Amino acid sequence: MNVKKPPTELQTAVRSLSPFFVRAFGFSLIGGLLMLVPTLYMLEVYERVVNSRNHLTLVMLTVMVVFAFVVMEVLEWARSETLYEAGTVLDKRMSNRIFDSVYEANLRRLGGGSIQPVHDFRTVRDFLHSPVVGAAMESPVSLVFMVLLFLMSPWLGWAAVIGAVLQVTVGALNERSTTPPLLEANRTAIGAQVYADNSLRNAEVIESMGMLAHIHARWLARQREFLSLQAVASDKAGTFQAISKFLQTTMSSLLLGLAAWLLLGDNLAGGAGMMIMGSVLGGRMLAPLVQVVTQWRSVVNVRDAWARLDAILQQVPLKEPAMPLPPPRGRLAVEQVVAVAPATRAPTNQAPILRGVNFVLNPGEVLAVAGPSASGKTTLARLLVGLWPASSGKVRLDGVDVFSWNKLELGPHVGYLPQGVELLEGTLAENIARFGEISMLKVEAAARLVGLHDFIMGLPQGYDSPVGRQGAVLSGGQRQRVALARALYDEPVFVVLDEPNSSLDDAGDAALVAAIRELKARGTTFVIMTHRTSVLSVADRMLILKEGTQQAFGTRDEVMAALQQAAQQAAQQAQAAQSPASVPPKRSVALPSQSGPLVPPAAAV
């Protein structure tokens, strides 16, 4: 038993445009029937005007045919505007949804997390008012023409049917031969574009190390593959287009000859004038099919774009509106969290990045998270702010799952500084204010917190200074301070900082510690991923990670004492290994310097 699948989100959106399609179809039907007016005018001129030599009849016929032409053009314009309006309505209903889906897919590292779905949606939207859709709407008129041919003579009708079957066959062959190379060409073109975009984002590395020739060669290989596939499809499509046009032209002449043959045998209803009418009707009947065959590339493109759009909308389903929640106070609970990268959430043999992380922070506490590289600190940061979902376990802020919390609602109360600092093109004030409504008091307060105010005021345009694309006009340390000010803007109650001092000098480090201490006093909860010990002076608790597992959690002094004891034991074991006959004397191991790296010794874990 076949279960009928419910319509997809994209199908539902397009079906909601049916009133526009019905109206456009009505315009097409009337306009298609008026296509017979020039032929009728010609017949009337030959039969009435030439025989009667009446000038008034000629004038009246001409006025009527000109009026019919005006009506035809108005209907054509109305149809075009109606279909364009349908595309505009679709854009209003789905553009935000498409953008949000691309954004979500990029966060979750899914296949559609690029700008391509936006281009695909534009392809679908523009297709609604394309010549192919117009030809499809004119196809019922072809049935009317076919009926008229049968009324003139069954022979003419069946000849027209044979011509239509041949055109459909040409269309099917065109589909079969051109679709595979066209689809592959589209995929190759998308791959070449993505590769070029990624290369441009790494232009400095490519230029500095002389990699341009190799990168260009790789891109050129993909581009040539795309052009080769497109050429194959174009050659095949051109052949079938020529055959289609040949059939249309030949069919008109053959129908004229057949009508003349029938007239000579007194088998043509309507007399000699129907010879011309039969030829015209046959050509008009095949015109929509010829148009579809000619524009088949656009059909393939929109079908491929539709499939990709459908896929990403199903991968990222529409979220149901949640009940508004009160602002958080900053209590964080991480409950036996296990995490893998979102793109690998399907059952695989890949090991989790984090396993069994479990701790609780009260409002106003500062947690320092330490561990060697690839220990899972950045993954934990993404989990804490709700960017990635946990495979099992929960991250809760004031008892609410952070991942499912509406970020538009939660975001103003959260600050986040990722390891890779990204600034958006705009002014310093816009970046610090998170591109929302700018309160200069809050912007300046955030800048002062991180020691950036004096630098900004020294710029010619002050807070209105543009940062350039990705903050290109700023140094690495300045970009990090601006991003830090953005994270601390409007005193959020929960802040996650991933390596916040990696590009800061001593002055920036001191400003960071002072900012954390000040906001901590106001009740802000901090989680700071760090390799350095400069923030330990303001930390209340410490978490040690290694290879994705929680090695230690407790107060700062407890964890530091455990690290120191482990370091002493490791040193004693190393000394005993070197001098097994001697007993190593006891000695104390100094903690790393305030600005030095914080990497737990192997014995500590």
Foldseek 3Di string as FASTA:
>chain_A
DDDDDDDFPLVVLLVVLVVLVVLLLVLLLLLLVLVCLVLVLVVCCVPPCVVVVDVVVNVVSVVVNVVSVVSSVVSVVSSLVSLLVSLVSSCVVPVVVQVVLLVLCLLLVHPSVDCVLVVLSVLLSVVSNDVLSSLVSNLVVLVVLLVVLVVQPVVLSVLLVVLQVVLVVLLVVLCVQQLVLLLVLVVLVVVLVVLVVVCVVVVVVCVVVVVVVVSVVVSVVSVVSSVVSVVRNVVSLVVSLVVLVVSLVVSLVVQLVVQVVCLVVVNGPPHPSVSNVSSVSSNSSSVSSSSCSNPVSSVSSSVSSVVVNSVSCVVPPDDDDDDDDDAFLAKKWWAQFWAARSNPLPDDPDHTLAGGDTDIDFFLAEEEEEADPSLCQLVVLCLQQQSGDTSDTAIDGVHHGNVSPDCVRHVVQFFEAHPDQFFAWFFLQCRLCVNDDGDPVQLLVLCVLQVNQVVQVPDPVRRRHTLPHRSVVDDPQNSLSSSSSSRCGPLHQEYEYEASCPPPDPSSLVSVLSSSQVSSVVGHYYYYYFFAQLNVVRHQKYWYGGSNYTLDIDGSVVLVVLLQVQVQVVVQVVVCVVPVVDHDDHDGDDDDDRGDTHHRDPSSD
